Amino acid sequence: MAKHEFGIIDYFEENKWYSDYEPEKYNCISVDDDLIGELTIRYDEELMVIKTYFIVSTQVGKGLDYCGVTLIPPESLKQFRDVIIKANNRLKSKELQLLIKKITEAITGNKYLIHYGI
């Protein structure tokens, strides 16, 4: 089954292209594609107002790049976490619970979160 990966960037570099697939470097956790698919369908409006970047900090986006690399800045993490918590209240997923923990860790450290899509 396809997986999405989420990790924390300890030392974010402006204008760096985060196009290389390096889940070990960012201590990523995996979330099943079915869960992310459900999330993007059911919570699309809420996700699409979250400021993100696609691959590089000069490429402003909204929500998750389902098939690419998304950089979620510290100022967007609480909003993103709120959507995941809301979704998990319904889905009751251990993977989403781990994602909530990962997001909280990034918030605490004022770090960027990286998402590798399928």
C-alpha atoms as a PDB file:
ATOM      1  CA  MET A   1       0.000   0.000   0.000  1.00  0.00           C
ATOM      2  CA  ALA A   2       1.233   3.488  -0.852  1.00  0.00           C
ATOM      3  CA  LYS A   3       2.409   5.664   2.028  1.00  0.00           C
ATOM      4  CA  HIS A   4       2.900   9.354   2.677  1.00  0.00           C
ATOM      5  CA  GLU A   5       5.872  10.335   4.818  1.00  0.00           C
ATOM      6  CA  PHE A   6       6.016  13.183   7.357  1.00  0.00           C
ATOM      7  CA  GLY A   7       9.151  14.371   9.115  1.00  0.00           C
ATOM      8  CA  ILE A   8      10.766  17.341  10.821  1.00  0.00           C
ATOM      9  CA  ILE A   9      13.415  19.502   9.189  1.00  0.00           C
ATOM     10  CA  ASP A  10      15.836  20.394  11.981  1.00  0.00           C
ATOM     11  CA  TYR A  11      17.693  23.100  10.041  1.00  0.00           C
ATOM     12  CA  PHE A  12      15.486  24.618   7.364  1.00  0.00           C
ATOM     13  CA  GLU A  13      17.319  26.335   4.500  1.00  0.00           C
ATOM     14  CA  GLU A  14      15.566  29.090   2.544  1.00  0.00           C
ATOM     15  CA  ASN A  15      15.668  28.585  -1.231  1.00  0.00           C
ATOM     16  CA  LYS A  16      16.895  24.979  -0.888  1.00  0.00           C
ATOM     17  CA  TRP A  17      15.163  22.464  -3.146  1.00  0.00           C
ATOM     18  CA  TYR A  18      13.862  19.654  -0.919  1.00  0.00           C
ATOM     19  CA  SER A  19      13.221  17.392  -3.908  1.00  0.00           C
ATOM     20  CA  ASP A  20      15.416  14.467  -2.802  1.00  0.00           C
ATOM     21  CA  TYR A  21      13.546  11.647  -1.085  1.00  0.00           C
ATOM     22  CA  GLU A  22      15.252  11.441   2.340  1.00  0.00           C
ATOM     23  CA  PRO A  23      12.760  10.073   4.903  1.00  0.00           C
ATOM     24  CA  GLU A  24      15.504   8.784   7.215  1.00  0.00           C
ATOM     25  CA  LYS A  25      17.152  12.224   7.392  1.00  0.00           C
ATOM     26  CA  TYR A  26      13.931  13.766   8.695  1.00  0.00           C
ATOM     27  CA  ASN A  27      12.939  10.811  10.900  1.00  0.00           C
ATOM     28  CA  CYS A  28       9.701  10.424   8.946  1.00  0.00           C
ATOM     29  CA  ILE A  29       6.633   8.517   9.987  1.00  0.00           C
ATOM     30  CA  SER A  30       4.399   6.812   7.431  1.00  0.00           C
ATOM     31  CA  VAL A  31       0.691   7.401   6.934  1.00  0.00           C
ATOM     32  CA  ASP A  32      -1.322   5.147   4.649  1.00  0.00           C
ATOM     33  CA  ASP A  33      -2.476   6.696   1.390  1.00  0.00           C
ATOM     34  CA  ASP A  34      -6.085   5.687   2.145  1.00  0.00           C
ATOM     35  CA  LEU A  35      -6.046   7.914   5.234  1.00  0.00           C
ATOM     36  CA  ILE A  36      -4.493  10.883   3.429  1.00  0.00           C
ATOM     37  CA  GLY A  37      -6.908  10.377   0.536  1.00  0.00           C
ATOM     38  CA  GLU A  38      -9.865  10.437   2.925  1.00  0.00           C
ATOM     39  CA  LEU A  39      -8.406  13.480   4.636  1.00  0.00           C
ATOM     40  CA  THR A  40      -7.915  15.444   1.424  1.00  0.00           C
ATOM     41  CA  ILE A  41     -11.448  14.685   0.237  1.00  0.00           C
ATOM     42  CA  ARG A  42     -13.345  15.244   3.480  1.00  0.00           C
ATOM     43  CA  TYR A  43     -11.287  18.199   4.777  1.00  0.00           C
ATOM     44  CA  ASP A  44     -10.259  19.792   1.481  1.00  0.00           C
ATOM     45  CA  GLU A  45     -11.608  23.272   2.296  1.00  0.00           C
ATOM     46  CA  GLU A  46      -9.776  23.375   5.612  1.00  0.00           C
ATOM     47  CA  LEU A  47      -6.538  22.054   4.120  1.00  0.00           C
ATOM     48  CA  MET A  48      -6.609  24.463   1.181  1.00  0.00           C
ATOM     49  CA  VAL A  49      -6.361  27.530   3.417  1.00  0.00           C
ATOM     50  CA  ILE A  50      -3.176  26.295   5.093  1.00  0.00           C
ATOM     51  CA  LYS A  51      -0.107  28.090   3.762  1.00  0.00           C
ATOM     52  CA  THR A  52       2.565  25.664   2.610  1.00  0.00           C
ATOM     53  CA  TYR A  53       5.413  25.523   0.118  1.00  0.00           C
ATOM     54  CA  PHE A  54       5.988  23.018  -2.669  1.00  0.00           C
ATOM     55  CA  ILE A  55       9.603  21.728  -2.741  1.00  0.00           C
ATOM     56  CA  VAL A  56      11.200  25.151  -2.094  1.00  0.00           C
ATOM     57  CA  SER A  57      10.326  28.157   0.083  1.00  0.00           C
ATOM     58  CA  THR A  58       9.824  30.388  -2.963  1.00  0.00           C
ATOM     59  CA  GLN A  59       7.019  28.154  -4.306  1.00  0.00           C
ATOM     60  CA  VAL A  60       4.027  29.156  -2.162  1.00  0.00           C
ATOM     61  CA  GLY A  61       1.181  26.651  -2.062  1.00  0.00           C
ATOM     62  CA  LYS A  62      -1.931  25.707  -0.128  1.00  0.00           C
ATOM     63  CA  GLY A  63      -2.554  22.359   1.535  1.00  0.00           C
ATOM     64  CA  LEU A  64      -0.624  19.186   0.693  1.00  0.00           C
ATOM     65  CA  ASP A  65       0.957  18.333  -2.637  1.00  0.00           C
ATOM     66  CA  TYR A  66      -0.547  14.841  -2.825  1.00  0.00           C
ATOM     67  CA  CYS A  67       2.101  13.472  -5.200  1.00  0.00           C
ATOM     68  CA  GLY A  68       5.008  15.766  -4.387  1.00  0.00           C
ATOM     69  CA  VAL A  69       6.958  17.389  -1.579  1.00  0.00           C
ATOM     70  CA  THR A  70       5.219  19.826   0.760  1.00  0.00           C
ATOM     71  CA  LEU A  71       6.987  22.043   3.283  1.00  0.00           C
ATOM     72  CA  ILE A  72       4.728  23.118   6.142  1.00  0.00           C
ATOM     73  CA  PRO A  73       6.107  26.187   7.937  1.00  0.00           C
ATOM     74  CA  PRO A  74       5.935  26.588  11.718  1.00  0.00           C
ATOM     75  CA  GLU A  75       3.196  29.234  11.477  1.00  0.00           C
ATOM     76  CA  SER A  76       0.890  26.751   9.696  1.00  0.00           C
ATOM     77  CA  LEU A  77       1.434  23.732  11.932  1.00  0.00           C
ATOM     78  CA  LYS A  78      -1.283  24.385  14.540  1.00  0.00           C
ATOM     79  CA  GLN A  79      -3.860  24.812  11.809  1.00  0.00           C
ATOM     80  CA  PHE A  80      -2.673  21.602  10.125  1.00  0.00           C
ATOM     81  CA  ARG A  81      -2.700  19.722  13.429  1.00  0.00           C
ATOM     82  CA  ASP A  82      -6.260  20.888  14.115  1.00  0.00           C
ATOM     83  CA  VAL A  83      -7.407  19.353  10.809  1.00  0.00           C
ATOM     84  CA  ILE A  84      -5.626  16.066  11.592  1.00  0.00           C
ATOM     85  CA  ILE A  85      -7.144  15.954  15.099  1.00  0.00           C
ATOM     86  CA  LYS A  86     -10.599  16.611  13.670  1.00  0.00           C
ATOM     87  CA  ALA A  87     -10.129  13.846  11.093  1.00  0.00           C
ATOM     88  CA  ASN A  88      -8.803  11.412  13.668  1.00  0.00           C
ATOM     89  CA  ASN A  89     -11.784  11.959  15.942  1.00  0.00           C
ATOM     90  CA  ARG A  90     -13.714  10.222  13.176  1.00  0.00           C
ATOM     91  CA  LEU A  91     -11.106   7.835  11.735  1.00  0.00           C
ATOM     92  CA  LYS A  92      -9.490   6.639  15.002  1.00  0.00           C
ATOM     93  CA  SER A  93      -6.153   5.890  13.343  1.00  0.00           C
ATOM     94  CA  LYS A  94      -2.885   5.072  15.122  1.00  0.00           C
ATOM     95  CA  GLU A  95      -1.003   6.500  12.124  1.00  0.00           C
ATOM     96  CA  LEU A  96      -2.820   9.822  12.401  1.00  0.00           C
ATOM     97  CA  GLN A  97      -2.176   9.800  16.149  1.00  0.00           C
ATOM     98  CA  LEU A  98       1.551   9.476  15.388  1.00  0.00           C
ATOM     99  CA  LEU A  99       1.236  12.318  12.878  1.00  0.00           C
ATOM    100  CA  ILE A 100      -0.387  14.521  15.536  1.00  0.00           C
ATOM    101  CA  LYS A 101       2.546  13.725  17.825  1.00  0.00           C
ATOM    102  CA  LYS A 102       5.047  14.542  15.037  1.00  0.00           C
ATOM    103  CA  ILE A 103       3.319  17.870  14.298  1.00  0.00           C
ATOM    104  CA  THR A 104       3.293  18.736  18.018  1.00  0.00           C
ATOM    105  CA  GLU A 105       7.023  18.000  18.177  1.00  0.00           C
ATOM    106  CA  ALA A 106       7.604  20.353  15.228  1.00  0.00           C
ATOM    107  CA  ILE A 107       5.464  23.053  16.873  1.00  0.00           C
ATOM    108  CA  THR A 108       7.423  22.739  20.120  1.00  0.00           C
ATOM    109  CA  GLY A 109      10.725  23.103  18.270  1.00  0.00           C
ATOM    110  CA  ASN A 110       9.435  25.816  15.882  1.00  0.00           C
ATOM    111  CA  LYS A 111      10.482  23.581  12.956  1.00  0.00           C
ATOM    112  CA  TYR A 112       9.228  22.952   9.436  1.00  0.00           C
ATOM    113  CA  LEU A 113       7.394  19.712   8.670  1.00  0.00           C
ATOM    114  CA  ILE A 114       8.155  17.935   5.391  1.00  0.00           C
ATOM    115  CA  HIS A 115       5.609  15.771   3.582  1.00  0.00           C
ATOM    116  CA  TYR A 116       6.541  13.311   0.858  1.00  0.00           C
ATOM    117  CA  GLY A 117       3.483  12.424  -1.190  1.00  0.00           C
ATOM    118  CA  ILE A 118       2.976   9.202  -3.081  1.00  0.00           C
END
